Protein backbone atom coordinates (compact mmCIF):
# COMPACT_ATOMS: atom_id res chain seq x y z
CA MET A 1 96.32 68.33 -68.99
CA LEU A 2 96.75 67.46 -65.33
CA GLY A 3 93.30 66.73 -64.49
CA HIS A 4 90.70 64.47 -65.55
CA PRO A 5 89.38 65.10 -68.77
CA LEU A 6 85.89 65.50 -68.89
CA ALA A 7 86.28 68.41 -65.64
CA ASP A 8 89.43 69.96 -68.19
CA LEU A 9 86.63 70.16 -70.83
CA LEU A 10 84.07 71.98 -68.52
CA SER A 11 87.08 74.93 -67.55
CA LEU A 12 87.74 75.07 -71.25
CA LEU A 13 83.85 75.19 -72.40
CA GLU A 14 83.34 78.01 -69.61
CA ALA A 15 85.76 79.82 -71.32
CA CYS A 16 83.62 79.43 -74.97
CA THR A 17 81.50 81.94 -76.47
CA THR A 18 81.21 80.53 -79.53
CA PRO A 19 80.82 77.19 -80.90
CA ARG A 20 83.67 77.61 -82.83
CA ASP A 21 85.90 77.70 -79.66
CA ARG A 22 83.90 75.00 -78.04
CA ALA A 23 84.88 72.67 -81.38
CA GLU A 24 88.73 73.78 -80.59
CA ALA A 25 88.02 72.52 -76.92
CA ILE A 26 86.44 69.23 -77.79
CA ALA A 27 89.35 68.64 -80.20
CA LEU A 28 91.94 69.58 -77.63
CA VAL A 29 90.49 67.83 -74.77
CA ALA A 30 89.49 64.18 -77.39
CA SER A 31 93.14 64.26 -78.35
CA SER A 32 95.50 63.95 -75.77
CA SER A 33 93.02 61.78 -73.70
CA GLU A 34 92.59 57.92 -74.03
CA PRO A 35 90.84 56.27 -76.41
CA GLY A 36 87.87 55.23 -75.22
CA PHE A 37 86.74 58.90 -73.71
CA ALA A 38 88.07 60.08 -76.85
CA ARG A 39 85.36 58.23 -78.85
CA ALA A 40 82.75 58.59 -76.38
CA LEU A 41 83.50 62.17 -76.36
CA LEU A 42 83.17 62.56 -80.24
CA ARG A 43 80.17 61.05 -80.54
CA THR A 44 78.32 63.76 -78.86
CA ALA A 45 80.55 66.29 -80.25
CA HIS A 46 77.81 68.14 -82.44
CA LEU A 47 75.33 68.49 -79.10
CA VAL A 48 78.45 70.22 -77.45
CA VAL A 49 79.02 72.39 -79.63
CA ARG A 50 75.69 73.77 -79.93
CA CYS A 51 75.14 73.53 -76.33
CA GLY A 52 78.22 74.10 -74.21
CA ALA A 53 78.60 72.77 -70.92
CA ARG A 54 75.03 71.62 -70.27
CA ALA A 55 75.00 69.31 -73.00
CA LEU A 56 78.28 67.41 -71.75
CA VAL A 57 77.32 66.92 -68.20
CA ARG A 58 73.73 65.74 -69.51
CA GLU A 59 75.19 63.36 -72.22
CA THR A 60 77.92 62.15 -69.96
CA MET A 61 75.51 61.58 -66.63
CA SER A 62 73.09 60.54 -69.37
CA GLU A 63 70.55 62.52 -67.37
CA PRO A 64 68.35 64.06 -70.23
CA VAL A 65 67.56 67.33 -68.82
CA ARG A 66 63.95 67.34 -70.77
CA PHE A 67 61.22 64.64 -70.26
CA ARG A 68 58.19 64.34 -72.68
CA ARG A 69 55.03 62.97 -72.09
CA THR A 70 53.92 62.83 -75.50
CA SER A 71 54.35 64.63 -78.84
CA THR A 72 52.04 63.34 -81.37
CA THR A 73 52.29 65.97 -83.39
CA ARG A 74 55.66 67.52 -82.76
CA ALA A 75 58.18 67.30 -85.80
CA ASP A 76 61.57 66.10 -84.47
CA LEU A 77 65.39 65.99 -85.79
CA ALA A 78 64.56 62.25 -86.34
CA ASP A 79 61.74 63.73 -89.27
CA ALA A 80 62.04 61.17 -92.05
CA GLY A 81 65.31 62.81 -94.61
CA ARG A 82 66.77 64.97 -92.32
CA LEU A 83 70.55 64.35 -92.28
CA LEU A 84 71.20 67.77 -90.99
CA THR A 85 70.18 71.12 -89.92
CA ILE A 86 72.35 73.69 -89.51
CA GLU A 87 71.37 77.20 -87.30
CA THR A 88 73.27 79.90 -89.20
CA GLY A 89 72.82 82.28 -86.57
CA GLY A 90 70.78 84.75 -88.87
CA TYR A 91 67.54 86.26 -89.36
CA GLU A 92 67.46 84.56 -92.59
CA VAL A 93 68.99 82.78 -95.59
CA GLY A 94 69.01 83.75 -98.98
CA HIS A 95 70.24 81.62 -101.83
CA ALA A 96 72.19 78.45 -100.61
CA ALA A 97 73.70 75.42 -102.52
CA PHE A 98 76.20 73.01 -102.87
CA SER A 99 79.52 73.18 -104.00
CA ALA A 100 80.32 71.55 -107.27
CA ASP A 101 81.64 68.53 -105.90
CA GLY A 102 79.08 68.41 -103.21
CA SER A 103 81.71 68.16 -100.10
CA ARG A 104 80.23 72.26 -98.87
CA ILE A 105 77.34 74.22 -98.47
CA VAL A 106 77.25 77.94 -99.12
CA ALA A 107 74.67 80.43 -97.82
CA PHE A 108 73.91 83.87 -98.08
CA VAL A 109 72.60 84.97 -94.85
CA SER A 110 71.34 88.35 -93.27
CA GLY A 111 71.86 89.64 -90.10
CA ASP A 112 74.87 89.56 -87.51
CA CYS A 113 76.27 86.54 -87.53
CA GLY A 114 77.21 84.97 -83.69
CA TRP A 115 79.93 82.31 -84.88
CA ASP A 116 82.79 84.74 -85.85
CA ALA A 117 83.55 87.38 -83.60
CA THR A 118 85.84 88.52 -85.85
CA LEU A 119 83.18 90.10 -88.40
CA PRO A 120 82.17 93.77 -88.21
CA ARG A 121 78.94 94.00 -86.12
CA GLY A 122 75.92 95.22 -87.78
CA ALA A 123 77.78 94.10 -91.52
CA GLY A 124 74.26 93.31 -93.21
CA ALA A 125 75.35 90.01 -94.50
CA TRP A 126 77.50 87.46 -94.84
CA LEU A 127 78.37 84.09 -96.99
CA GLY A 128 78.96 80.89 -94.75
CA GLN A 129 79.99 77.77 -96.06
CA TRP A 130 79.33 74.33 -94.23
CA SER A 131 80.27 70.92 -94.20
CA ALA A 132 77.66 68.98 -95.92
CA THR A 133 78.90 66.34 -93.32
CA THR A 134 79.17 67.20 -90.71
CA GLY A 135 77.82 70.88 -90.38
CA GLU A 136 80.62 72.72 -89.28
CA LEU A 137 81.12 75.93 -90.37
CA LEU A 138 84.27 76.24 -92.29
CA ASP A 139 84.03 80.01 -93.49
CA VAL A 140 82.65 83.11 -93.44
CA VAL A 141 82.72 86.55 -94.96
CA ALA A 142 81.16 89.97 -94.33
CA LEU A 143 79.40 91.13 -97.86
CA GLY A 144 78.61 94.76 -97.10
CA GLN A 145 75.40 96.84 -96.90
CA PHE A 146 72.13 94.83 -97.98
CA ARG A 147 68.91 96.36 -98.58
CA GLU A 148 66.74 93.57 -98.72
CA GLU A 149 67.42 90.12 -96.84
CA SER A 150 66.51 87.56 -100.19
CA GLY A 151 70.46 87.95 -101.02
CA THR A 152 71.11 86.16 -104.38
CA PHE A 153 75.54 84.56 -105.90
CA ALA A 154 76.66 82.58 -108.20
CA PHE A 155 79.75 80.51 -108.72
CA ASP A 156 81.17 80.29 -111.99
CA ALA A 157 81.77 76.56 -113.42
CA ALA A 158 85.26 76.69 -112.16
CA GLU A 159 84.80 78.34 -109.18
CA THR A 160 87.18 80.91 -109.18
CA GLN A 161 84.25 83.91 -108.96
CA LEU A 162 81.55 84.39 -106.49
CA ALA A 163 79.35 86.91 -108.30
CA VAL A 164 77.09 87.93 -105.36
CA ARG A 165 74.01 90.87 -104.67
CA SER A 166 74.84 93.98 -103.44
CA HIS A 167 72.36 97.34 -102.88
CA ARG A 168 72.23 98.21 -106.38
CA SER A 169 75.22 96.63 -107.93
CA THR A 170 76.67 93.18 -108.18
CA HIS A 171 80.36 92.43 -106.70
CA ILE A 172 82.47 89.82 -108.12
CA HIS A 173 85.20 88.51 -104.97
CA GLU A 174 87.84 86.34 -106.11
CA VAL A 175 87.83 82.12 -104.75
CA ASP A 176 91.29 80.58 -103.68
CA ARG A 177 91.01 77.51 -105.84
CA ALA A 178 93.25 75.93 -103.60
CA THR A 179 91.71 76.25 -100.23
CA GLN A 180 87.97 77.63 -101.18
CA ARG A 181 87.77 80.37 -99.53
CA VAL A 182 85.88 83.74 -101.04
CA SER A 183 87.82 86.50 -100.52
CA PRO A 184 86.14 89.42 -98.45
CA ARG A 185 87.78 92.21 -100.82
CA VAL A 186 85.74 92.98 -103.54
CA ALA A 187 87.46 92.62 -107.51
CA ARG A 188 85.26 94.35 -109.64
CA VAL A 189 81.68 96.18 -108.93
CA LEU A 190 79.12 95.71 -111.80
CA SER A 191 77.22 98.57 -111.65
CA SER A 192 73.37 98.88 -112.68
CA SER A 193 70.20 100.41 -111.70
CA GLU A 194 69.19 97.50 -109.00
CA GLY A 195 70.97 94.69 -107.08
CA ALA A 196 70.17 91.28 -108.95
CA GLU A 197 67.48 89.01 -108.04
CA THR A 198 68.75 86.05 -110.19
CA LEU A 199 72.51 85.58 -111.85
CA THR A 200 73.68 83.25 -113.66
CA PHE A 201 77.15 82.60 -115.16
CA VAL A 202 77.28 81.66 -118.79
CA GLY A 203 81.24 80.15 -120.18
CA GLU A 204 84.01 81.06 -117.81
CA ARG A 205 83.09 85.00 -117.84
CA ARG A 206 79.82 85.73 -118.70
CA LEU A 207 77.81 86.99 -115.87
CA ILE A 208 73.69 88.08 -116.80
CA ALA A 209 71.63 89.63 -114.21
CA GLY A 210 67.97 90.02 -113.72
CA ASP A 211 68.24 93.55 -112.02
CA GLY A 212 64.91 94.97 -112.03
CA TYR A 213 63.11 94.64 -114.79
CA GLU A 214 66.38 94.71 -117.28
CA LEU A 215 68.31 92.27 -118.43
CA LEU A 216 71.97 92.84 -118.26
CA ALA A 217 75.32 90.75 -119.47
CA PHE A 218 78.61 92.02 -117.94
CA ASP A 219 82.15 90.83 -118.77
CA SER A 220 83.41 89.51 -114.90
CA ALA A 221 87.05 90.06 -115.69
CA SER A 222 86.35 93.43 -116.78
CA GLY A 223 83.60 94.30 -115.05
CA LYS A 224 82.01 95.98 -118.47
CA GLU A 225 78.31 95.89 -119.38
CA THR A 226 78.32 94.13 -122.74
CA ALA A 227 74.17 93.92 -123.27
CA ARG A 228 71.00 95.04 -122.01
CA ALA A 229 67.29 94.77 -122.61
CA SER A 230 64.09 95.45 -121.25
CA SER A 231 62.32 92.42 -119.27
CA ILE A 232 59.20 91.43 -117.98
CA GLY A 233 60.70 90.53 -114.58
CA THR A 234 63.34 89.53 -112.52
CA LEU A 235 63.56 85.59 -112.19
CA HIS A 236 65.44 84.02 -115.46
CA VAL A 237 67.31 80.62 -116.37
CA ALA A 238 69.41 80.56 -118.69
CA SER A 239 69.87 77.35 -121.58
CA PRO A 240 73.09 77.88 -123.39
CA GLN A 241 72.62 74.67 -125.42
CA LEU A 242 69.36 76.07 -126.68
CA GLY A 243 70.58 79.55 -126.72
CA ARG A 244 67.86 81.51 -125.22
CA VAL A 245 67.24 83.41 -121.35
CA PHE A 246 63.60 82.78 -120.35
CA VAL A 247 62.02 85.32 -117.91
CA GLY A 248 59.10 84.76 -115.78
CA SER A 249 56.20 87.63 -115.60
CA GLY A 250 56.74 89.91 -112.52
CA LEU A 251 53.87 91.71 -113.18
CA SER A 252 51.63 90.14 -115.39
CA THR A 253 48.15 88.90 -113.34
CA ALA A 254 48.84 85.68 -116.05
CA CYS A 255 51.57 83.10 -116.07
CA THR A 256 53.83 84.46 -118.91
CA ILE A 257 57.03 83.04 -119.62
CA ALA A 258 59.62 85.54 -122.63
CA SER A 259 62.31 84.05 -124.63
CA HIS A 260 65.27 86.50 -125.17
CA ASP A 261 69.06 85.64 -127.44
CA ILE A 262 71.27 84.85 -124.98
CA HIS A 263 73.74 86.73 -126.64
CA SER A 264 72.26 90.22 -127.52
CA LEU A 265 69.73 89.42 -124.86
CA GLU A 266 67.34 90.78 -127.99
CA LEU A 267 63.46 89.47 -126.97
CA GLU A 268 62.34 86.66 -129.27
CA GLY A 269 59.09 86.11 -128.00
CA ALA A 270 56.46 84.99 -125.28
CA ALA A 271 54.46 82.45 -124.02
CA ILE A 272 51.27 82.61 -121.90
CA ALA A 273 49.71 79.98 -119.94
CA SER A 274 46.58 78.90 -121.62
CA ASP A 275 44.32 77.63 -118.18
CA ALA A 276 45.67 80.98 -116.74
CA GLY A 277 44.27 84.07 -117.84
CA PRO A 278 44.85 87.33 -116.63
CA THR A 279 42.10 88.19 -113.95
CA ALA A 280 41.05 91.66 -112.35
CA SER A 281 41.71 92.27 -109.24
CA ASP A 282 44.75 89.64 -108.22
CA ARG A 283 48.25 89.18 -108.94
CA LYS A 284 47.85 84.82 -108.65
CA GLY A 285 49.99 84.80 -112.36
CA VAL A 286 53.33 86.76 -111.04
CA ILE A 287 55.84 83.91 -111.48
CA SER A 288 58.07 83.64 -108.39
CA ALA A 289 60.46 80.69 -108.53
CA MET A 290 61.77 79.52 -111.93
CA ALA A 291 63.86 76.15 -112.53
CA LEU A 292 65.61 74.69 -115.95
CA SER A 293 65.42 70.85 -116.37
CA PRO A 294 68.81 69.27 -116.55
CA ALA A 295 68.41 68.23 -120.43
CA ALA A 296 66.67 71.77 -120.68
CA THR A 297 63.35 69.71 -121.52
CA GLN A 298 61.24 71.39 -119.24
CA LEU A 299 60.45 74.67 -117.59
CA ALA A 300 59.05 74.69 -113.94
CA THR A 301 57.26 77.71 -112.42
CA GLY A 302 55.91 78.46 -109.10
CA ASP A 303 53.35 81.78 -108.59
CA TRP A 304 51.83 83.83 -105.67
CA GLY A 305 48.47 81.44 -106.92
CA ASN A 306 50.19 78.34 -105.10
CA CYS A 307 50.73 76.80 -108.53
CA VAL A 308 53.59 74.39 -109.92
CA ARG A 309 53.71 74.51 -113.46
CA MET A 310 56.05 72.22 -116.06
CA TRP A 311 56.43 74.13 -119.11
CA LYS A 312 57.18 72.48 -122.61
CA VAL A 313 60.81 74.28 -123.75
CA ARG A 314 60.38 73.67 -127.55
CA ASP A 315 56.66 75.33 -126.97
CA LEU A 316 58.46 78.51 -125.62
CA VAL A 317 61.37 78.34 -128.27
CA ARG A 318 58.40 78.70 -131.21
CA ALA A 319 56.50 81.04 -129.42
CA GLY A 320 55.79 84.04 -131.50
CA SER A 321 55.70 87.75 -131.48
CA PRO A 322 56.64 88.97 -128.44
CA LYS A 323 54.12 92.24 -128.61
CA SER A 324 51.31 89.21 -128.32
CA PRO A 325 52.16 86.14 -126.08
CA VAL A 326 50.75 82.49 -127.50
CA PRO A 327 48.99 80.46 -125.31
CA VAL A 328 50.72 77.57 -124.90
CA ARG A 329 49.72 74.40 -122.33
CA ALA A 330 51.46 74.33 -119.40
CA ARG A 331 50.44 71.49 -116.70
CA VAL A 332 49.74 72.44 -113.83
CA VAL A 333 51.82 69.63 -111.59
CA GLY A 334 49.76 71.22 -108.02
CA THR A 335 50.01 73.57 -105.19
CA HIS A 336 51.22 74.37 -101.65
CA ARG A 337 48.90 76.01 -98.32
CA GLY A 338 51.12 79.61 -100.07
CA TRP A 339 52.69 80.63 -102.72
CA VAL A 340 55.38 78.89 -104.43
CA SER A 341 59.14 80.49 -103.33
CA ALA A 342 61.68 77.99 -104.73
CA LEU A 343 61.95 75.61 -107.06
CA ALA A 344 64.57 72.47 -108.15
CA PHE A 345 64.99 69.03 -110.55
CA VAL A 346 66.59 66.23 -109.28
CA SER A 347 65.86 64.84 -112.80
CA GLU A 348 63.94 64.83 -115.65
CA ALA A 349 60.88 63.41 -113.89
CA ARG A 350 61.74 64.60 -110.57
CA LEU A 351 61.12 68.15 -109.06
CA LEU A 352 61.24 69.92 -105.86
CA SER A 353 59.24 73.01 -104.86
CA GLY A 354 59.34 74.64 -101.51
CA GLY A 355 56.64 77.39 -100.78
CA TRP A 356 55.16 79.54 -98.22
CA ASP A 357 53.71 77.07 -96.04
CA GLY A 358 57.74 76.04 -95.11
CA GLY A 359 57.42 73.14 -96.73
CA VAL A 360 59.54 71.23 -99.53
CA ALA A 361 57.08 68.89 -101.94
CA GLU A 362 58.86 66.57 -104.46
CA TRP A 363 56.54 65.84 -107.84
CA ASP A 364 56.81 62.86 -109.22
CA LEU A 365 56.36 64.60 -112.77
CA ALA A 366 55.17 60.66 -114.77
CA GLY A 367 52.67 61.17 -112.06
CA LYS A 368 52.54 57.68 -110.78
CA LYS A 369 53.20 58.74 -107.33
CA ASP A 370 51.49 60.98 -104.86
CA PRO A 371 53.94 64.04 -103.85
CA VAL A 372 56.21 63.64 -100.71
CA GLU A 373 56.42 66.19 -98.43
CA ARG A 374 59.23 67.55 -95.81
CA PHE A 375 59.24 69.93 -93.13
CA GLY A 376 61.85 71.45 -91.18
CA HIS A 377 61.88 74.99 -91.44
CA HIS A 378 59.25 77.19 -89.49
CA GLY A 379 59.87 80.32 -92.20
CA TYR A 380 58.81 80.10 -95.65
CA ILE A 381 61.35 78.12 -98.09
CA THR A 382 63.56 80.87 -99.52
CA ALA A 383 66.21 78.59 -101.84
CA LEU A 384 66.97 75.04 -102.73
CA GLY A 385 69.61 72.78 -104.00
CA ILE A 386 70.74 69.72 -105.29
CA ASP A 387 73.88 67.66 -105.15
CA ARG A 388 76.03 66.62 -108.27
CA ASP A 389 74.51 62.67 -107.45
CA ALA A 390 70.62 63.88 -106.97
CA ALA A 391 71.01 61.96 -103.42
CA ARG A 392 70.75 65.08 -101.10
CA ALA A 393 68.73 68.27 -101.63
CA LEU A 394 69.90 71.45 -99.25
CA SER A 395 66.63 74.36 -98.36
CA ALA A 396 67.09 76.99 -97.08
CA GLY A 397 65.05 79.37 -94.78
CA SER A 398 63.45 82.83 -93.68
CA ASP A 399 64.08 81.20 -90.45
CA GLY A 400 68.00 81.50 -90.62
CA ARG A 401 68.08 77.74 -90.79
CA ILE A 402 69.30 75.45 -93.44
CA VAL A 403 68.18 71.61 -93.64
CA MET A 404 69.63 69.07 -95.69
CA TRP A 405 67.96 65.72 -96.90
CA ASP A 406 68.00 62.50 -97.83
CA LEU A 407 65.89 62.23 -101.10
CA ALA A 408 65.22 58.12 -100.82
CA SER A 409 63.25 58.68 -97.78
CA GLY A 410 59.77 59.50 -97.25
CA SER A 411 58.00 62.41 -95.79
CA SER A 412 57.81 63.98 -92.92
CA PRO A 413 54.93 65.12 -90.66
CA ARG A 414 53.16 68.24 -91.60
CA PRO A 415 52.47 70.54 -88.84
CA PRO A 416 48.92 70.79 -87.74
CA PHE A 417 49.06 74.79 -88.13
CA THR A 418 50.41 76.87 -90.51
CA MET A 419 51.58 80.02 -88.73
CA GLY A 420 51.07 82.50 -91.66
CA TYR A 421 53.73 83.66 -93.06
CA GLY A 422 54.24 87.13 -93.91
CA GLN A 423 50.35 87.45 -94.14
CA GLY A 424 50.31 89.15 -90.51
CA SER A 425 50.52 86.70 -87.46
CA PRO A 426 47.09 84.66 -86.70
CA ARG A 427 44.50 84.81 -83.70
CA ILE A 428 46.35 82.55 -81.26
CA ALA A 429 44.11 80.70 -78.82
CA LEU A 430 45.51 78.20 -75.95
CA ARG A 431 43.02 76.81 -73.80
CA VAL A 432 42.98 74.06 -70.89
CA THR A 433 39.83 73.58 -69.28
CA PRO A 434 39.69 69.70 -67.57
CA GLY A 435 40.53 67.32 -69.94
CA GLU A 436 40.80 68.78 -72.67
CA VAL A 437 43.63 71.02 -74.68
CA ARG A 438 41.95 73.27 -77.18
CA VAL A 439 44.55 74.93 -79.63
CA VAL A 440 43.20 77.65 -82.00
CA VAL A 441 45.18 78.95 -84.74
CA GLY A 442 43.29 81.60 -87.14
CA THR A 443 40.40 79.19 -88.37
CA ASP A 444 41.72 76.16 -87.66
CA GLU A 445 40.86 73.99 -84.52
CA VAL A 446 42.64 71.00 -82.42
CA VAL A 447 41.56 69.82 -79.50
CA PHE A 448 43.68 67.41 -77.43
CA ASP A 449 43.17 65.29 -73.96
CA ALA A 450 45.52 66.29 -71.16
CA GLU A 451 48.01 63.44 -72.47
CA GLY A 452 48.18 65.20 -75.71
CA ARG A 453 45.81 62.96 -77.83
CA VAL A 454 44.06 64.42 -80.59
CA LEU A 455 40.52 63.98 -79.87
CA ARG A 456 38.90 66.61 -83.02
CA THR A 457 39.94 69.07 -85.57
CA GLY A 458 37.79 71.12 -86.99
CA ARG A 459 37.06 74.91 -87.86
CA CYS A 460 36.45 77.98 -85.57
CA ASP A 461 36.71 81.92 -86.25
CA LEU A 462 38.10 83.60 -83.22
CA PRO A 463 36.25 87.09 -82.33
CA ALA A 464 37.25 89.78 -84.48
CA SER A 465 37.76 92.15 -81.85
CA GLY A 466 37.77 92.77 -77.74
CA GLU A 467 40.85 89.51 -77.81
CA PRO A 468 44.17 89.86 -77.95
CA ARG A 469 46.52 88.19 -80.43
CA VAL A 470 47.55 85.47 -77.96
CA ASP A 471 44.83 84.21 -75.55
CA VAL A 472 46.43 82.19 -73.19
CA ARG A 473 44.16 80.42 -70.54
CA GLY A 474 45.84 77.37 -68.30
CA PHE A 475 45.55 75.64 -65.21
CA VAL A 476 45.72 78.02 -62.00
CA SER A 477 47.20 77.22 -58.80
CA ASN A 478 48.08 78.30 -56.06
CA ALA A 479 51.10 75.45 -55.12
CA LEU A 480 52.06 76.26 -58.64
CA SER A 481 55.44 78.75 -58.15
CA MET A 482 57.53 78.10 -61.42
CA GLU A 483 57.87 80.62 -64.08
CA ILE A 484 58.55 80.07 -67.83
CA ALA A 485 60.69 82.16 -69.61
CA ALA A 486 61.84 81.88 -73.39
CA ARG A 487 65.30 81.96 -74.54
CA SER A 488 66.60 82.28 -78.23
CA ASP A 489 70.44 82.68 -78.19
CA ALA A 490 72.94 80.61 -80.24
CA ASP A 491 71.71 77.48 -78.70
CA GLY A 492 68.33 77.74 -80.01
CA PRO A 493 64.90 78.32 -79.13
CA ALA A 494 63.97 77.14 -75.17
CA LEU A 495 61.50 77.46 -72.65
CA VAL A 496 63.53 78.16 -69.18
CA VAL A 497 61.56 77.21 -66.24
CA THR A 498 62.74 78.61 -62.85
CA GLU A 499 61.79 78.49 -59.51
CA GLY A 500 63.25 81.17 -57.48
CA ASP A 501 66.70 81.68 -58.59
CA ALA A 502 67.05 77.57 -59.57
CA ILE A 503 66.26 76.28 -62.72
CA VAL A 504 64.42 73.44 -62.99
CA ASP A 505 63.79 72.52 -66.40
CA VAL A 506 65.21 73.77 -69.71
CA LEU A 507 62.84 72.54 -73.08
CA GLU A 508 64.87 73.05 -76.12
CA LEU A 509 62.16 73.67 -78.63
CA GLU A 510 62.22 73.04 -82.25
CA ALA A 511 61.03 76.52 -83.01
CA PRO A 512 60.82 79.87 -80.72
CA ALA A 513 57.73 79.53 -78.77
CA CYS A 514 53.81 81.15 -79.45
CA ALA A 515 51.88 79.84 -76.82
CA VAL A 516 52.28 78.19 -73.26
CA ALA A 517 50.27 76.79 -70.97
CA TRP A 518 50.10 74.66 -67.65
CA VAL A 519 47.97 71.48 -68.33
CA ASP A 520 48.48 70.42 -64.42
CA LEU A 521 50.78 70.51 -61.80
CA HIS A 522 53.70 69.01 -63.61
CA THR A 523 52.85 69.50 -67.34
CA ILE A 524 53.39 71.94 -69.83
CA VAL A 525 51.54 72.49 -73.43
CA VAL A 526 53.78 74.57 -76.38
CA LEU A 527 52.51 76.00 -79.47
CA ASP A 528 55.56 76.86 -81.74
CA ALA A 529 56.12 78.79 -84.60
CA GLY A 530 56.35 75.78 -86.64
CA GLY A 531 52.99 75.30 -86.07
CA HIS A 532 53.70 71.80 -83.99
CA VAL A 533 51.87 72.03 -80.70
CA SER A 534 53.83 69.68 -77.60
CA PHE A 535 53.49 68.55 -74.17
CA TRP A 536 56.06 68.38 -71.88
CA SER A 537 56.56 66.39 -68.37
CA LEU A 538 58.80 68.90 -65.74
CA ARG A 539 61.27 67.12 -64.57
CA SER A 540 61.99 66.75 -60.84
CA GLY A 541 64.77 66.98 -58.36
CA ALA A 542 65.99 70.22 -58.25
CA GLY A 543 63.01 72.79 -57.85
CA THR A 544 60.91 70.33 -57.26
CA ILE A 545 57.19 71.65 -57.34
CA ALA A 546 55.32 72.45 -53.65
């Protein structure tokens, strides 16, 4: 290196197109620089990897790009318990889990990968592995054609095989034990009628799949099917110590659990929640998530009726005739603001649930504490995982994001609005009047003052017709010459404020903006896709407001 290390790094970053390239550039400059500069550089490396040269200049000059006046309702990256946030680059994360030793995060991601130029474009889906300490991408492999985004996978106990859902089959990939790299080549294809919704290894080579409305067992080494049985749903959990596979209802209007022999897959009995009898017009009893406790004494289920229920496994094993489900008391632990989409036990006394509202709730099953809620997604939760020490959890979402949480911490703020994931876009109104900023999403209303303080909350029905889906009415002035444009790329969602050809400010958001309005000559208000409202004071200097 002949020049100043900062200048050298800026030159290198200009040629970098991916986060991996930027990470390599930082490592190269740090290794050849004096220790003081190298330490300062490595402290901000995670920002530079994500945001590039702009972040490097900002951190070096100690001049933040943004100045937020107030954000009383906005969830920041410093939310209680959030250890790490990974923007995968895809548009949805399916299944996600910690590796057996807890050092890596593994996830099935849908959509073109922006991290690695070596992957074929339009691959459809890929498997990524990240460091659970730094969030660095360690490995990525294309997984072929997928009809749906909610891909699932399972490692065997030794992590030498990976079973992953494909279009109408299950693929087996070999895993190198020394490097932990997944081979991109498909070693075996396990043929069936539909792609599996859940996959579970039992022993070294026996794989159980929930395929359509059948249970199937395969020998993963030979690829041969060894057993098959009709099933009431696609979601299952297996318990070798009990010799059972439990399947949740996928069509019934009442919460029903079927019990199958783990070897033959023969149906042995069924139980129905005694507090949730069939209803005539809805599907609230359809089970959408399942988890078995570590000691296999409790089964947790979540459903389309927003309920988290707890079943005693001994009641399910004793259930009677398969043709006539036995009523069983299943305790309702709690509810979400939408259907329950993921479950995971931390211990026999602690359960995590994820929902359509984008939140993760931690339940004290003894009922002695209120649930702990954490919010870090602006899409529904697709998967939950617990590390081997039960100290950390991860949540994956339909927003393409993976969040790692510290389970010893408390709740994080709940967004004031639910954006209606999967239920159609709600009507939105953002209206600025002297002294007030009124935000309406669906029927929920929050009114702020011009500084971002909440004045009142309530319910407000927007007109059913004659109004656009998003209605913004803000401050207007002939002196206001700035324009605001949305940006969403590898650097994350942002609003870029320009005046002519000059960039005045870049406002980096937690989630894409849904509505933006001027509050006054120097302030804008933003409603984002996570349901947060934030107020921003724009930087003066380059591109000053007339």
